[in-house]
Every structure is written in C-alpha cells, then in structure tokens.
Amino acid sequence: MFSIFINALAASFLLAAAGLLIYLFLVIREQRTGKFKRMPSRYRYQKRKSFFKRKSPVSSHRLGRRLICLLNGDVCTAERLFDHAYWRYPGQSDSWVLEKVIYDLERDRRSV
C-alpha cells in the first residue's frame, strides 16, 4: 500500500517537472522569435532626465519647435535626439545641434 503511494507521488513529481520544462521551452521560444513587443521609445525615455542638468532648448527654440513638428509632437524623442547629438558634438551651440538633428532626420526620411 505504501509503495503505491510512493509510486503515485513520483509519477506526479515527474509530470510536474515535465510540465515546467515544456513551459520554459515555450517561453524561451517566444522570446527568441520576438513576439514580445518592445515599448515605443516615447515611453522608454519618458522618465529620463536630460543628459545635461540644464533646460533643453528643444521646446523654447524655433528650431526645436520645428524638430517637434517633424516628430509629430513627440517631445521626449526630440529631447533624446538633441541630448545625443549634444553629447556627440561637444562644444557646438544649441542652434547648430538642433540644425544637425533636423538635417539628419530629414536625410534619413529621404533615404527610405
């Protein structure tokens, strides 16, 4: 009687382990095939502070407003692009950096 109980317990343990392995296999396969969607960039960078601890000229500058219009009102992406270009080209003025970002954005859109 006791051996039947142990055999049933071992069988249920093996069944649970097999189920866990199948579940892990399916999760890993879904992750590798890319079925998990990434969050859009406007959400990923929403809580991020500006690269430099200063007010970004994106919203106050004429070229900054043009950049925001090119990005369909996405201020977070505009600030992210400005911060990256400002970091990449140190010593350049804010106007130059904004012109560079706008030029690169328009150039990339032409090539598509």
C-alpha atoms as a PDB file:
ATOM      1  CA  MET A   1       0.000   0.000   0.000  1.00  0.00           C
ATOM      2  CA  PHE A   2       2.806   2.381   0.922  1.00  0.00           C
ATOM      3  CA  SER A   3       4.737   1.595  -2.282  1.00  0.00           C
ATOM      4  CA  ILE A   4       1.702   2.541  -4.394  1.00  0.00           C
ATOM      5  CA  PHE A   5       1.611   5.914  -2.668  1.00  0.00           C
ATOM      6  CA  ILE A   6       5.325   6.481  -3.337  1.00  0.00           C
ATOM      7  CA  ASN A   7       4.923   5.467  -6.992  1.00  0.00           C
ATOM      8  CA  ALA A   8       1.991   7.870  -7.403  1.00  0.00           C
ATOM      9  CA  LEU A   9       3.974  10.662  -5.743  1.00  0.00           C
ATOM     10  CA  ALA A  10       6.969  10.043  -8.009  1.00  0.00           C
ATOM     11  CA  ALA A  11       4.751   9.985 -11.092  1.00  0.00           C
ATOM     12  CA  SER A  12       3.100  13.286 -10.146  1.00  0.00           C
ATOM     13  CA  PHE A  13       6.516  14.838  -9.495  1.00  0.00           C
ATOM     14  CA  LEU A  14       7.761  13.734 -12.920  1.00  0.00           C
ATOM     15  CA  LEU A  15       4.603  15.064 -14.548  1.00  0.00           C
ATOM     16  CA  ALA A  16       5.036  18.446 -12.836  1.00  0.00           C
ATOM     17  CA  ALA A  17       8.706  18.596 -13.864  1.00  0.00           C
ATOM     18  CA  ALA A  18       7.813  17.781 -17.472  1.00  0.00           C
ATOM     19  CA  GLY A  19       5.150  20.495 -17.467  1.00  0.00           C
ATOM     20  CA  LEU A  20       7.636  23.026 -16.115  1.00  0.00           C
ATOM     21  CA  LEU A  21      10.180  22.127 -18.794  1.00  0.00           C
ATOM     22  CA  ILE A  22       7.583  22.496 -21.537  1.00  0.00           C
ATOM     23  CA  TYR A  23       6.512  25.874 -20.148  1.00  0.00           C
ATOM     24  CA  LEU A  24      10.116  27.128 -20.015  1.00  0.00           C
ATOM     25  CA  PHE A  25      10.731  25.886 -23.554  1.00  0.00           C
ATOM     26  CA  LEU A  26       7.697  27.781 -24.847  1.00  0.00           C
ATOM     27  CA  VAL A  27       8.649  30.987 -23.032  1.00  0.00           C
ATOM     28  CA  ILE A  28      12.206  30.910 -24.365  1.00  0.00           C
ATOM     29  CA  ARG A  29      10.969  30.187 -27.881  1.00  0.00           C
ATOM     30  CA  GLU A  30       8.555  33.136 -27.763  1.00  0.00           C
ATOM     31  CA  GLN A  31      11.304  35.459 -26.573  1.00  0.00           C
ATOM     32  CA  ARG A  32      13.642  34.371 -29.352  1.00  0.00           C
ATOM     33  CA  THR A  33      11.039  34.762 -32.077  1.00  0.00           C
ATOM     34  CA  GLY A  34      10.373  38.337 -30.992  1.00  0.00           C
ATOM     35  CA  LYS A  35       6.710  38.034 -30.164  1.00  0.00           C
ATOM     36  CA  PHE A  36       7.229  40.217 -27.104  1.00  0.00           C
ATOM     37  CA  LYS A  37       6.747  43.788 -28.239  1.00  0.00           C
ATOM     38  CA  ARG A  38       9.121  46.475 -27.106  1.00  0.00           C
ATOM     39  CA  MET A  39       7.703  49.624 -25.652  1.00  0.00           C
ATOM     40  CA  PRO A  40       7.730  52.593 -28.019  1.00  0.00           C
ATOM     41  CA  SER A  41      10.590  54.999 -27.492  1.00  0.00           C
ATOM     42  CA  ARG A  42       8.358  57.732 -26.129  1.00  0.00           C
ATOM     43  CA  TYR A  43       7.572  55.531 -23.122  1.00  0.00           C
ATOM     44  CA  ARG A  44      11.080  54.208 -22.576  1.00  0.00           C
ATOM     45  CA  TYR A  45      12.569  57.671 -22.239  1.00  0.00           C
ATOM     46  CA  GLN A  46       9.661  59.388 -20.535  1.00  0.00           C
ATOM     47  CA  LYS A  47      11.080  59.490 -17.008  1.00  0.00           C
ATOM     48  CA  ARG A  48      14.653  60.033 -18.131  1.00  0.00           C
ATOM     49  CA  LYS A  49      16.192  63.351 -17.192  1.00  0.00           C
ATOM     50  CA  SER A  50      18.081  65.447 -19.671  1.00  0.00           C
ATOM     51  CA  PHE A  51      21.672  64.363 -20.280  1.00  0.00           C
ATOM     52  CA  PHE A  52      22.981  67.677 -19.021  1.00  0.00           C
ATOM     53  CA  LYS A  53      21.440  69.214 -15.933  1.00  0.00           C
ATOM     54  CA  ARG A  54      20.087  72.194 -17.816  1.00  0.00           C
ATOM     55  CA  LYS A  55      16.921  73.195 -19.573  1.00  0.00           C
ATOM     56  CA  SER A  56      16.777  71.687 -23.015  1.00  0.00           C
ATOM     57  CA  PRO A  57      16.275  74.299 -25.750  1.00  0.00           C
ATOM     58  CA  VAL A  58      14.093  71.932 -27.732  1.00  0.00           C
ATOM     59  CA  SER A  59      10.759  73.367 -26.634  1.00  0.00           C
ATOM     60  CA  SER A  60      11.815  77.017 -26.408  1.00  0.00           C
ATOM     61  CA  HIS A  61      13.859  77.397 -29.601  1.00  0.00           C
ATOM     62  CA  ARG A  62      12.381  77.960 -33.067  1.00  0.00           C
ATOM     63  CA  LEU A  63      14.359  75.041 -34.490  1.00  0.00           C
ATOM     64  CA  GLY A  64      13.326  72.933 -31.523  1.00  0.00           C
ATOM     65  CA  ARG A  65       9.680  73.543 -32.303  1.00  0.00           C
ATOM     66  CA  ARG A  66      10.365  72.559 -35.919  1.00  0.00           C
ATOM     67  CA  LEU A  67      12.001  69.345 -34.714  1.00  0.00           C
ATOM     68  CA  ILE A  68       8.975  68.576 -32.558  1.00  0.00           C
ATOM     69  CA  CYS A  69       6.716  69.138 -35.572  1.00  0.00           C
ATOM     70  CA  LEU A  70       8.838  66.734 -37.625  1.00  0.00           C
ATOM     71  CA  LEU A  71       8.395  64.145 -34.866  1.00  0.00           C
ATOM     72  CA  ASN A  72       4.616  64.653 -34.733  1.00  0.00           C
ATOM     73  CA  GLY A  73       4.694  66.285 -31.309  1.00  0.00           C
ATOM     74  CA  ASP A  74       6.899  63.712 -29.580  1.00  0.00           C
ATOM     75  CA  VAL A  75       8.846  65.954 -27.190  1.00  0.00           C
ATOM     76  CA  CYS A  76      10.605  63.082 -25.400  1.00  0.00           C
ATOM     77  CA  THR A  77      12.108  61.803 -28.639  1.00  0.00           C
ATOM     78  CA  ALA A  78      13.125  65.319 -29.651  1.00  0.00           C
ATOM     79  CA  GLU A  79      14.921  65.834 -26.345  1.00  0.00           C
ATOM     80  CA  ARG A  80      16.567  62.424 -26.609  1.00  0.00           C
ATOM     81  CA  LEU A  81      17.845  63.164 -30.118  1.00  0.00           C
ATOM     82  CA  PHE A  82      19.072  66.592 -29.030  1.00  0.00           C
ATOM     83  CA  ASP A  83      20.848  65.196 -25.961  1.00  0.00           C
ATOM     84  CA  HIS A  84      22.556  62.506 -28.011  1.00  0.00           C
ATOM     85  CA  ALA A  85      23.755  64.974 -30.648  1.00  0.00           C
ATOM     86  CA  TYR A  86      24.844  67.468 -27.972  1.00  0.00           C
ATOM     87  CA  TRP A  87      26.899  64.737 -26.318  1.00  0.00           C
ATOM     88  CA  ARG A  88      28.301  63.535 -29.651  1.00  0.00           C
ATOM     89  CA  TYR A  89      29.380  67.010 -30.822  1.00  0.00           C
ATOM     90  CA  PRO A  90      30.746  68.786 -27.744  1.00  0.00           C
ATOM     91  CA  GLY A  91      31.404  72.499 -27.951  1.00  0.00           C
ATOM     92  CA  GLN A  92      28.767  73.187 -30.594  1.00  0.00           C
ATOM     93  CA  SER A  93      25.988  75.682 -29.985  1.00  0.00           C
ATOM     94  CA  ASP A  94      22.413  74.651 -29.326  1.00  0.00           C
ATOM     95  CA  SER A  95      21.306  76.033 -32.692  1.00  0.00           C
ATOM     96  CA  TRP A  96      23.964  74.040 -34.520  1.00  0.00           C
ATOM     97  CA  VAL A  97      22.982  70.846 -32.720  1.00  0.00           C
ATOM     98  CA  LEU A  98      19.292  71.391 -33.488  1.00  0.00           C
ATOM     99  CA  GLU A  99      20.085  72.038 -37.155  1.00  0.00           C
ATOM    100  CA  LYS A 100      22.184  68.861 -37.238  1.00  0.00           C
ATOM    101  CA  VAL A 101      19.390  66.768 -35.703  1.00  0.00           C
ATOM    102  CA  ILE A 102      16.828  68.184 -38.144  1.00  0.00           C
ATOM    103  CA  TYR A 103      19.173  67.633 -41.088  1.00  0.00           C
ATOM    104  CA  ASP A 104      19.870  64.030 -40.046  1.00  0.00           C
ATOM    105  CA  LEU A 105      16.177  63.320 -39.539  1.00  0.00           C
ATOM    106  CA  GLU A 106      15.216  64.739 -42.935  1.00  0.00           C
ATOM    107  CA  ARG A 107      18.122  62.934 -44.610  1.00  0.00           C
ATOM    108  CA  ASP A 108      17.075  59.618 -43.098  1.00  0.00           C
ATOM    109  CA  ARG A 109      13.495  60.145 -44.202  1.00  0.00           C
ATOM    110  CA  ARG A 110      14.605  60.888 -47.769  1.00  0.00           C
ATOM    111  CA  SER A 111      16.605  57.673 -47.964  1.00  0.00           C
ATOM    112  CA  VAL A 112      13.643  55.487 -47.025  1.00  0.00           C
END
